[in-house]
Amino acid sequence: MGTLNCTPDSFSDGGQFPDSTAAVKEGKTLVSDGAHLLDIGGESTAPGRTPVDSDTELARIQDVVATLSAVVPVSVDTYKASVAEKCLSLGASVINDVTALRADAALAEVIREHQAALVLMYSKQAGDTPQADSTEKEYQDVVETICNFLSERVEFALSKGIKESQIILDPGMGGFLSPNPKYSWEVIRRMPEIEERFAGFPILIGTSRKGFLGGSLESRDPSSQLSALLAYESGADILRTHNVGMAVEFVRVWKKCGGRN
């Protein structure tokens, strides 16, 4: 899953694609590099970022979604029903909701009506405050907390008429778990437990350029790919990355060495 942020303030690539022409060009580059799908975002949920209204979010992404949906499957990183409705009508097929259907009660109905795939992500944030913050959260058992949360959100989605076959699960990473990096590393180490708990549900992992990796932002791509690959080896199914070309190369070498197909 190639990441394409059409925002001025995303933590990694904010402002790099200031208009739809630049964003579409980057999206096509990600596809040529080997992306199987693109995750397009019009609002940053990184720590300290300010929410934007639906009109602003759509203005940033709707032309990009419409164009790239004809090239590759497109996921839209949004928690707003109105944004999801428009983007699904333009050709998107996945909605990636960092609030797991907690921020906008109408989103579940949009997903059901369009029969779209839906990513439900764990986050320590309340549903009405999607942007991650720097609040320290301590866990007695981080994996048990994540699994209990995701189980409850799956049951909620099912109660709204969304099918199991539509649901993808994301355990969250970095600031969505805690500013303390040990919890993100623990999730990667214990990925087999999450995979076993949710057998049959695809698991998405998004370690790309997250602060828990350490080092400068510019230096994190190799550790991003390696950490995601370790999660994949242990049961994750979808790798969300900013650097698709490097991710593909890591996977290629790993498979040559006997990694799973």
C-alpha atoms as a PDB file:
ATOM      1  CA  MET A   1       0.000   0.000   0.000  1.00  0.00           C
ATOM      2  CA  GLY A   2       1.655   3.190  -1.189  1.00  0.00           C
ATOM      3  CA  THR A   3       1.033   6.277   0.945  1.00  0.00           C
ATOM      4  CA  LEU A   4       0.064   9.510  -0.840  1.00  0.00           C
ATOM      5  CA  ASN A   5      -0.655  12.502   1.378  1.00  0.00           C
ATOM      6  CA  CYS A   6      -2.199  15.515  -0.361  1.00  0.00           C
ATOM      7  CA  THR A   7      -1.746  17.728   2.679  1.00  0.00           C
ATOM      8  CA  PRO A   8       0.458  20.639   3.717  1.00  0.00           C
ATOM      9  CA  ASP A   9       1.211  19.184   7.144  1.00  0.00           C
ATOM     10  CA  SER A  10       1.572  15.390   7.098  1.00  0.00           C
ATOM     11  CA  PHE A  11       4.562  14.393   9.216  1.00  0.00           C
ATOM     12  CA  SER A  12       6.562  12.840   6.377  1.00  0.00           C
ATOM     13  CA  ASP A  13       5.498  14.177   2.983  1.00  0.00           C
ATOM     14  CA  GLY A  14       3.302  17.156   3.825  1.00  0.00           C
ATOM     15  CA  GLY A  15       3.487  19.885   1.191  1.00  0.00           C
ATOM     16  CA  GLN A  16       5.421  17.789  -1.319  1.00  0.00           C
ATOM     17  CA  PHE A  17       2.427  17.432  -3.634  1.00  0.00           C
ATOM     18  CA  PRO A  18       0.768  20.865  -3.561  1.00  0.00           C
ATOM     19  CA  ASP A  19      -1.751  20.253  -6.348  1.00  0.00           C
ATOM     20  CA  SER A  20      -3.581  17.382  -8.003  1.00  0.00           C
ATOM     21  CA  THR A  21      -1.157  17.243 -10.931  1.00  0.00           C
ATOM     22  CA  ALA A  22       1.815  16.653  -8.647  1.00  0.00           C
ATOM     23  CA  ALA A  23      -0.113  14.154  -6.524  1.00  0.00           C
ATOM     24  CA  VAL A  24      -1.287  12.145  -9.519  1.00  0.00           C
ATOM     25  CA  LYS A  25       2.268  12.036 -10.861  1.00  0.00           C
ATOM     26  CA  GLU A  26       3.525  10.731  -7.517  1.00  0.00           C
ATOM     27  CA  GLY A  27       0.708   8.184  -7.347  1.00  0.00           C
ATOM     28  CA  LYS A  28       1.620   6.819 -10.765  1.00  0.00           C
ATOM     29  CA  THR A  29       5.267   6.655  -9.680  1.00  0.00           C
ATOM     30  CA  LEU A  30       4.284   4.617  -6.625  1.00  0.00           C
ATOM     31  CA  VAL A  31       2.342   2.243  -8.865  1.00  0.00           C
ATOM     32  CA  SER A  32       5.245   1.862 -11.275  1.00  0.00           C
ATOM     33  CA  ASP A  33       7.455   1.159  -8.252  1.00  0.00           C
ATOM     34  CA  GLY A  34       5.197  -1.757  -7.350  1.00  0.00           C
ATOM     35  CA  ALA A  35       2.278  -0.504  -5.231  1.00  0.00           C
ATOM     36  CA  HIS A  36      -0.766  -2.782  -5.368  1.00  0.00           C
ATOM     37  CA  LEU A  37      -2.989  -0.036  -3.981  1.00  0.00           C
ATOM     38  CA  LEU A  38      -2.692   3.593  -2.892  1.00  0.00           C
ATOM     39  CA  ASP A  39      -3.823   5.177   0.374  1.00  0.00           C
ATOM     40  CA  ILE A  40      -4.720   8.811  -0.372  1.00  0.00           C
ATOM     41  CA  GLY A  41      -5.128  11.290   2.477  1.00  0.00           C
ATOM     42  CA  GLY A  42      -6.400  14.850   2.603  1.00  0.00           C
ATOM     43  CA  GLU A  43      -6.099  15.501   6.338  1.00  0.00           C
ATOM     44  CA  SER A  44      -3.135  14.806   8.574  1.00  0.00           C
ATOM     45  CA  THR A  45      -3.800  12.906  11.795  1.00  0.00           C
ATOM     46  CA  ALA A  46      -0.216  13.234  13.003  1.00  0.00           C
ATOM     47  CA  PRO A  47       0.389  14.650  16.500  1.00  0.00           C
ATOM     48  CA  GLY A  48      -0.387  18.329  16.850  1.00  0.00           C
ATOM     49  CA  ARG A  49      -2.223  18.689  13.548  1.00  0.00           C
ATOM     50  CA  THR A  50      -5.484  20.635  13.245  1.00  0.00           C
ATOM     51  CA  PRO A  51      -8.575  18.940  11.777  1.00  0.00           C
ATOM     52  CA  VAL A  52      -9.966  20.302   8.515  1.00  0.00           C
ATOM     53  CA  ASP A  53     -13.552  20.422   7.267  1.00  0.00           C
ATOM     54  CA  SER A  54     -14.949  18.090   4.619  1.00  0.00           C
ATOM     55  CA  ASP A  55     -14.840  20.689   1.849  1.00  0.00           C
ATOM     56  CA  THR A  56     -11.149  21.351   2.403  1.00  0.00           C
ATOM     57  CA  GLU A  57     -10.339  17.653   2.554  1.00  0.00           C
ATOM     58  CA  LEU A  58     -12.260  16.904  -0.633  1.00  0.00           C
ATOM     59  CA  ALA A  59     -10.737  19.832  -2.488  1.00  0.00           C
ATOM     60  CA  ARG A  60      -7.318  18.329  -1.833  1.00  0.00           C
ATOM     61  CA  ILE A  61      -8.064  14.772  -2.938  1.00  0.00           C
ATOM     62  CA  GLN A  62     -11.148  14.322  -5.125  1.00  0.00           C
ATOM     63  CA  ASP A  63      -9.418  14.891  -8.482  1.00  0.00           C
ATOM     64  CA  VAL A  64      -6.532  12.678  -7.372  1.00  0.00           C
ATOM     65  CA  VAL A  65      -8.891   9.895  -6.305  1.00  0.00           C
ATOM     66  CA  ALA A  66     -10.891  10.098  -9.540  1.00  0.00           C
ATOM     67  CA  THR A  67      -7.785   9.898 -11.721  1.00  0.00           C
ATOM     68  CA  LEU A  68      -5.827   7.254  -9.832  1.00  0.00           C
ATOM     69  CA  SER A  69      -8.841   4.988  -9.258  1.00  0.00           C
ATOM     70  CA  ALA A  70      -8.700   4.257 -12.978  1.00  0.00           C
ATOM     71  CA  VAL A  71      -5.090   3.098 -12.574  1.00  0.00           C
ATOM     72  CA  VAL A  72      -4.985   1.122  -9.315  1.00  0.00           C
ATOM     73  CA  PRO A  73      -7.266   0.272  -6.362  1.00  0.00           C
ATOM     74  CA  VAL A  74      -7.521   3.331  -4.127  1.00  0.00           C
ATOM     75  CA  SER A  75      -7.997   3.617  -0.388  1.00  0.00           C
ATOM     76  CA  VAL A  76      -8.981   6.965   1.140  1.00  0.00           C
ATOM     77  CA  ASP A  77      -7.632   7.830   4.571  1.00  0.00           C
ATOM     78  CA  THR A  78     -10.644   9.577   6.107  1.00  0.00           C
ATOM     79  CA  TYR A  79     -13.031   9.314   9.027  1.00  0.00           C
ATOM     80  CA  LYS A  80     -15.736  11.539   7.541  1.00  0.00           C
ATOM     81  CA  ALA A  81     -18.840  10.008   5.952  1.00  0.00           C
ATOM     82  CA  SER A  82     -19.288  12.813   3.422  1.00  0.00           C
ATOM     83  CA  VAL A  83     -15.697  12.508   2.201  1.00  0.00           C
ATOM     84  CA  ALA A  84     -15.980   8.727   1.994  1.00  0.00           C
ATOM     85  CA  GLU A  85     -19.275   8.955   0.097  1.00  0.00           C
ATOM     86  CA  LYS A  86     -17.829  11.262  -2.536  1.00  0.00           C
ATOM     87  CA  CYS A  87     -14.577   9.361  -2.948  1.00  0.00           C
ATOM     88  CA  LEU A  88     -16.295   5.975  -3.236  1.00  0.00           C
ATOM     89  CA  SER A  89     -18.551   7.433  -5.912  1.00  0.00           C
ATOM     90  CA  LEU A  90     -15.397   8.579  -7.743  1.00  0.00           C
ATOM     91  CA  GLY A  91     -13.936   5.078  -7.793  1.00  0.00           C
ATOM     92  CA  ALA A  92     -12.210   4.466  -4.454  1.00  0.00           C
ATOM     93  CA  SER A  93     -12.805   0.996  -3.018  1.00  0.00           C
ATOM     94  CA  VAL A  94     -11.351   1.185   0.503  1.00  0.00           C
ATOM     95  CA  ILE A  95     -11.847   3.593   3.414  1.00  0.00           C
ATOM     96  CA  ASN A  96      -9.049   3.723   5.982  1.00  0.00           C
ATOM     97  CA  ASP A  97     -10.600   5.062   9.201  1.00  0.00           C
ATOM     98  CA  VAL A  98      -8.142   5.795  12.012  1.00  0.00           C
ATOM     99  CA  THR A  99     -11.066   6.199  14.411  1.00  0.00           C
ATOM    100  CA  ALA A 100     -12.561   2.759  13.666  1.00  0.00           C
ATOM    101  CA  LEU A 101     -16.079   4.144  13.093  1.00  0.00           C
ATOM    102  CA  ARG A 102     -16.082   6.260  16.250  1.00  0.00           C
ATOM    103  CA  ALA A 103     -15.820   9.788  14.823  1.00  0.00           C
ATOM    104  CA  ASP A 104     -18.732   9.863  12.374  1.00  0.00           C
ATOM    105  CA  ALA A 105     -21.770   7.706  13.009  1.00  0.00           C
ATOM    106  CA  ALA A 106     -22.848   7.953   9.373  1.00  0.00           C
ATOM    107  CA  LEU A 107     -19.694   6.374   7.975  1.00  0.00           C
ATOM    108  CA  ALA A 108     -20.805   2.802   8.646  1.00  0.00           C
ATOM    109  CA  GLU A 109     -23.884   3.299   6.463  1.00  0.00           C
ATOM    110  CA  VAL A 110     -21.732   4.680   3.638  1.00  0.00           C
ATOM    111  CA  ILE A 111     -19.458   1.632   3.828  1.00  0.00           C
ATOM    112  CA  ARG A 112     -22.441  -0.724   3.829  1.00  0.00           C
ATOM    113  CA  GLU A 113     -24.159   0.951   0.887  1.00  0.00           C
ATOM    114  CA  HIS A 114     -21.025   0.983  -1.267  1.00  0.00           C
ATOM    115  CA  GLN A 115     -19.840  -2.478  -0.154  1.00  0.00           C
ATOM    116  CA  ALA A 116     -16.422  -0.915   0.326  1.00  0.00           C
ATOM    117  CA  ALA A 117     -13.525  -2.409   2.222  1.00  0.00           C
ATOM    118  CA  LEU A 118     -12.908  -0.765   5.598  1.00  0.00           C
ATOM    119  CA  VAL A 119      -9.749  -0.467   7.677  1.00  0.00           C
ATOM    120  CA  LEU A 120     -10.442  -0.341  11.416  1.00  0.00           C
ATOM    121  CA  MET A 121      -7.397   0.969  13.282  1.00  0.00           C
ATOM    122  CA  TYR A 122      -6.575   0.898  16.972  1.00  0.00           C
ATOM    123  CA  SER A 123      -5.876   4.314  18.464  1.00  0.00           C
ATOM    124  CA  LYS A 124      -5.507   5.552  22.010  1.00  0.00           C
ATOM    125  CA  GLN A 125      -7.315   8.712  20.924  1.00  0.00           C
ATOM    126  CA  ALA A 126     -11.005   9.272  21.554  1.00  0.00           C
ATOM    127  CA  GLY A 127     -13.196   9.022  18.485  1.00  0.00           C
ATOM    128  CA  ASP A 128     -13.897  12.740  18.393  1.00  0.00           C
ATOM    129  CA  THR A 129     -10.182  13.637  18.463  1.00  0.00           C
ATOM    130  CA  PRO A 130      -8.656  11.638  15.586  1.00  0.00           C
ATOM    131  CA  GLN A 131      -5.312  13.454  15.520  1.00  0.00           C
ATOM    132  CA  ALA A 132      -2.758  11.646  17.656  1.00  0.00           C
ATOM    133  CA  ASP A 133      -1.332  13.590  20.567  1.00  0.00           C
ATOM    134  CA  SER A 134       1.761  13.311  22.726  1.00  0.00           C
ATOM    135  CA  THR A 135      -0.081  11.977  25.764  1.00  0.00           C
ATOM    136  CA  GLU A 136       1.861   9.113  27.300  1.00  0.00           C
ATOM    137  CA  LYS A 137      -0.191   5.936  27.578  1.00  0.00           C
ATOM    138  CA  GLU A 138       0.985   2.979  29.586  1.00  0.00           C
ATOM    139  CA  TYR A 139      -0.396  -0.526  29.024  1.00  0.00           C
ATOM    140  CA  GLN A 140      -0.458  -3.554  31.250  1.00  0.00           C
ATOM    141  CA  ASP A 141      -0.740  -5.623  28.082  1.00  0.00           C
ATOM    142  CA  VAL A 142      -0.689  -3.597  24.876  1.00  0.00           C
ATOM    143  CA  VAL A 143      -1.638  -6.486  22.594  1.00  0.00           C
ATOM    144  CA  GLU A 144      -4.576  -7.512  24.753  1.00  0.00           C
ATOM    145  CA  THR A 145      -5.782  -3.897  24.797  1.00  0.00           C
ATOM    146  CA  ILE A 146      -5.507  -3.632  21.010  1.00  0.00           C
ATOM    147  CA  CYS A 147      -7.239  -6.957  20.437  1.00  0.00           C
ATOM    148  CA  ASN A 148     -10.098  -6.145  22.785  1.00  0.00           C
ATOM    149  CA  PHE A 149     -10.584  -2.774  21.097  1.00  0.00           C
ATOM    150  CA  LEU A 150     -10.550  -4.239  17.607  1.00  0.00           C
ATOM    151  CA  SER A 151     -12.933  -7.034  18.618  1.00  0.00           C
ATOM    152  CA  GLU A 152     -15.412  -4.465  19.872  1.00  0.00           C
ATOM    153  CA  ARG A 153     -15.089  -2.365  16.700  1.00  0.00           C
ATOM    154  CA  VAL A 154     -15.545  -5.414  14.482  1.00  0.00           C
ATOM    155  CA  GLU A 155     -18.740  -6.289  16.352  1.00  0.00           C
ATOM    156  CA  PHE A 156     -19.940  -2.719  15.925  1.00  0.00           C
ATOM    157  CA  ALA A 157     -19.242  -2.797  12.205  1.00  0.00           C
ATOM    158  CA  LEU A 158     -21.037  -6.107  11.811  1.00  0.00           C
ATOM    159  CA  SER A 159     -24.029  -4.738  13.712  1.00  0.00           C
ATOM    160  CA  LYS A 160     -24.265  -1.978  11.081  1.00  0.00           C
ATOM    161  CA  GLY A 161     -24.492  -4.435   8.213  1.00  0.00           C
ATOM    162  CA  ILE A 162     -20.827  -4.419   7.199  1.00  0.00           C
ATOM    163  CA  LYS A 163     -19.630  -7.910   6.276  1.00  0.00           C
ATOM    164  CA  GLU A 164     -16.595  -9.647   7.745  1.00  0.00           C
ATOM    165  CA  SER A 165     -15.171  -9.907   4.227  1.00  0.00           C
ATOM    166  CA  GLN A 166     -15.059  -6.090   4.013  1.00  0.00           C
ATOM    167  CA  ILE A 167     -13.006  -5.553   7.172  1.00  0.00           C
ATOM    168  CA  ILE A 168      -9.235  -5.014   7.453  1.00  0.00           C
ATOM    169  CA  LEU A 169      -7.595  -4.505  10.850  1.00  0.00           C
ATOM    170  CA  ASP A 170      -4.707  -2.218  11.796  1.00  0.00           C
ATOM    171  CA  PRO A 171      -3.150  -2.467  15.288  1.00  0.00           C
ATOM    172  CA  GLY A 172      -1.889   1.113  15.088  1.00  0.00           C
ATOM    173  CA  MET A 173       1.691   2.262  15.471  1.00  0.00           C
ATOM    174  CA  GLY A 174       3.740   5.118  16.878  1.00  0.00           C
ATOM    175  CA  GLY A 175       1.777   7.982  18.392  1.00  0.00           C
ATOM    176  CA  PHE A 176      -1.518   6.168  17.973  1.00  0.00           C
ATOM    177  CA  LEU A 177      -0.268   3.680  20.568  1.00  0.00           C
ATOM    178  CA  SER A 178       1.918   5.857  22.774  1.00  0.00           C
ATOM    179  CA  PRO A 179       4.919   8.176  22.483  1.00  0.00           C
ATOM    180  CA  ASN A 180       6.797   5.391  24.275  1.00  0.00           C
ATOM    181  CA  PRO A 181       8.376   3.381  21.431  1.00  0.00           C
ATOM    182  CA  LYS A 182       8.505   0.117  23.362  1.00  0.00           C
ATOM    183  CA  TYR A 183       4.830  -0.552  22.648  1.00  0.00           C
ATOM    184  CA  SER A 184       5.208  -0.345  18.868  1.00  0.00           C
ATOM    185  CA  TRP A 185       8.139  -2.751  19.002  1.00  0.00           C
ATOM    186  CA  GLU A 186       6.145  -5.084  21.227  1.00  0.00           C
ATOM    187  CA  VAL A 187       3.265  -5.137  18.742  1.00  0.00           C
ATOM    188  CA  ILE A 188       5.654  -6.198  15.974  1.00  0.00           C
ATOM    189  CA  ARG A 189       7.178  -8.929  18.131  1.00  0.00           C
ATOM    190  CA  ARG A 190       3.757 -10.219  19.127  1.00  0.00           C
ATOM    191  CA  MET A 191       2.128 -10.001  15.713  1.00  0.00           C
ATOM    192  CA  PRO A 192       1.470 -13.790  15.704  1.00  0.00           C
ATOM    193  CA  GLU A 193      -0.908 -13.302  18.639  1.00  0.00           C
ATOM    194  CA  ILE A 194      -2.863 -10.658  16.756  1.00  0.00           C
ATOM    195  CA  GLU A 195      -2.970 -12.793  13.615  1.00  0.00           C
ATOM    196  CA  GLU A 196      -4.214 -15.787  15.597  1.00  0.00           C
ATOM    197  CA  ARG A 197      -6.859 -13.745  17.413  1.00  0.00           C
ATOM    198  CA  PHE A 198      -8.222 -12.367  14.127  1.00  0.00           C
ATOM    199  CA  ALA A 199      -7.735 -15.311  11.795  1.00  0.00           C
ATOM    200  CA  GLY A 200      -9.526 -14.568   8.531  1.00  0.00           C
ATOM    201  CA  PHE A 201      -9.171 -10.789   8.776  1.00  0.00           C
ATOM    202  CA  PRO A 202      -6.384  -9.129   6.761  1.00  0.00           C
ATOM    203  CA  ILE A 203      -3.951  -7.240   8.992  1.00  0.00           C
ATOM    204  CA  LEU A 204      -2.471  -3.920   7.832  1.00  0.00           C
ATOM    205  CA  ILE A 205       0.784  -2.689   9.325  1.00  0.00           C
ATOM    206  CA  GLY A 206       1.981   0.911   9.042  1.00  0.00           C
ATOM    207  CA  THR A 207       5.446   1.412  10.506  1.00  0.00           C
ATOM    208  CA  SER A 208       6.651   3.692   7.704  1.00  0.00           C
ATOM    209  CA  ARG A 209       8.829   6.552   8.952  1.00  0.00           C
ATOM    210  CA  LYS A 210       7.207   6.492  12.404  1.00  0.00           C
ATOM    211  CA  GLY A 211       9.079   8.131  15.262  1.00  0.00           C
ATOM    212  CA  PHE A 212       9.383   4.928  17.281  1.00  0.00           C
ATOM    213  CA  LEU A 213      11.956   3.720  14.725  1.00  0.00           C
ATOM    214  CA  GLY A 214      14.402   6.347  15.982  1.00  0.00           C
ATOM    215  CA  GLY A 215      16.879   8.443  14.032  1.00  0.00           C
ATOM    216  CA  SER A 216      16.040  11.312  11.724  1.00  0.00           C
ATOM    217  CA  LEU A 217      12.965  11.215   9.521  1.00  0.00           C
ATOM    218  CA  GLU A 218      15.157  11.108   6.422  1.00  0.00           C
ATOM    219  CA  SER A 219      16.999   8.000   7.642  1.00  0.00           C
ATOM    220  CA  ARG A 220      13.999   5.839   8.550  1.00  0.00           C
ATOM    221  CA  ASP A 221      13.125   4.165   5.248  1.00  0.00           C
ATOM    222  CA  PRO A 222      15.322   1.056   5.707  1.00  0.00           C
ATOM    223  CA  SER A 223      14.115   0.457   9.265  1.00  0.00           C
ATOM    224  CA  SER A 224      10.562   1.107   8.048  1.00  0.00           C
ATOM    225  CA  GLN A 225      10.815  -1.706   5.506  1.00  0.00           C
ATOM    226  CA  LEU A 226      12.560  -4.130   7.838  1.00  0.00           C
ATOM    227  CA  SER A 227      10.101  -3.618  10.688  1.00  0.00           C
ATOM    228  CA  ALA A 228       7.136  -4.023   8.334  1.00  0.00           C
ATOM    229  CA  LEU A 229       8.695  -7.107   6.788  1.00  0.00           C
ATOM    230  CA  LEU A 230       9.154  -8.681  10.224  1.00  0.00           C
ATOM    231  CA  ALA A 231       5.476  -8.010  10.931  1.00  0.00           C
ATOM    232  CA  TYR A 232       4.576  -9.529   7.549  1.00  0.00           C
ATOM    233  CA  GLU A 233       6.609 -12.625   8.338  1.00  0.00           C
ATOM    234  CA  SER A 234       4.593 -12.993  11.536  1.00  0.00           C
ATOM    235  CA  GLY A 235       1.163 -12.634   9.954  1.00  0.00           C
ATOM    236  CA  ALA A 236       0.534  -9.091   8.671  1.00  0.00           C
ATOM    237  CA  ASP A 237      -0.880  -8.960   5.139  1.00  0.00           C
ATOM    238  CA  ILE A 238      -0.711  -5.345   3.914  1.00  0.00           C
ATOM    239  CA  LEU A 239       2.391  -3.159   4.236  1.00  0.00           C
ATOM    240  CA  ARG A 240       1.665   0.571   4.203  1.00  0.00           C
ATOM    241  CA  THR A 241       4.759   2.472   3.094  1.00  0.00           C
ATOM    242  CA  HIS A 242       5.944   5.811   1.761  1.00  0.00           C
ATOM    243  CA  ASN A 243       8.833   4.224  -0.150  1.00  0.00           C
ATOM    244  CA  VAL A 244       7.261   1.545  -2.313  1.00  0.00           C
ATOM    245  CA  GLY A 245      10.360   0.866  -4.374  1.00  0.00           C
ATOM    246  CA  MET A 246      12.466   0.093  -1.309  1.00  0.00           C
ATOM    247  CA  ALA A 247       9.691  -2.031   0.198  1.00  0.00           C
ATOM    248  CA  VAL A 248       9.449  -4.100  -2.984  1.00  0.00           C
ATOM    249  CA  GLU A 249      13.206  -4.624  -2.981  1.00  0.00           C
ATOM    250  CA  PHE A 250      13.212  -5.750   0.660  1.00  0.00           C
ATOM    251  CA  VAL A 251      10.404  -8.224  -0.063  1.00  0.00           C
ATOM    252  CA  ARG A 252      12.160  -9.505  -3.190  1.00  0.00           C
ATOM    253  CA  VAL A 253      15.385 -10.266  -1.345  1.00  0.00           C
ATOM    254  CA  TRP A 254      13.529 -11.773   1.598  1.00  0.00           C
ATOM    255  CA  LYS A 255      11.609 -14.149  -0.681  1.00  0.00           C
ATOM    256  CA  LYS A 256      14.853 -15.165  -2.386  1.00  0.00           C
ATOM    257  CA  CYS A 257      16.063 -16.161   1.078  1.00  0.00           C
ATOM    258  CA  GLY A 258      12.989 -18.314   1.685  1.00  0.00           C
ATOM    259  CA  GLY A 259      10.433 -15.843   3.038  1.00  0.00           C
ATOM    260  CA  ARG A 260       6.749 -16.677   2.617  1.00  0.00           C
ATOM    261  CA  ASN A 261       4.913 -15.794  -0.601  1.00  0.00           C
END
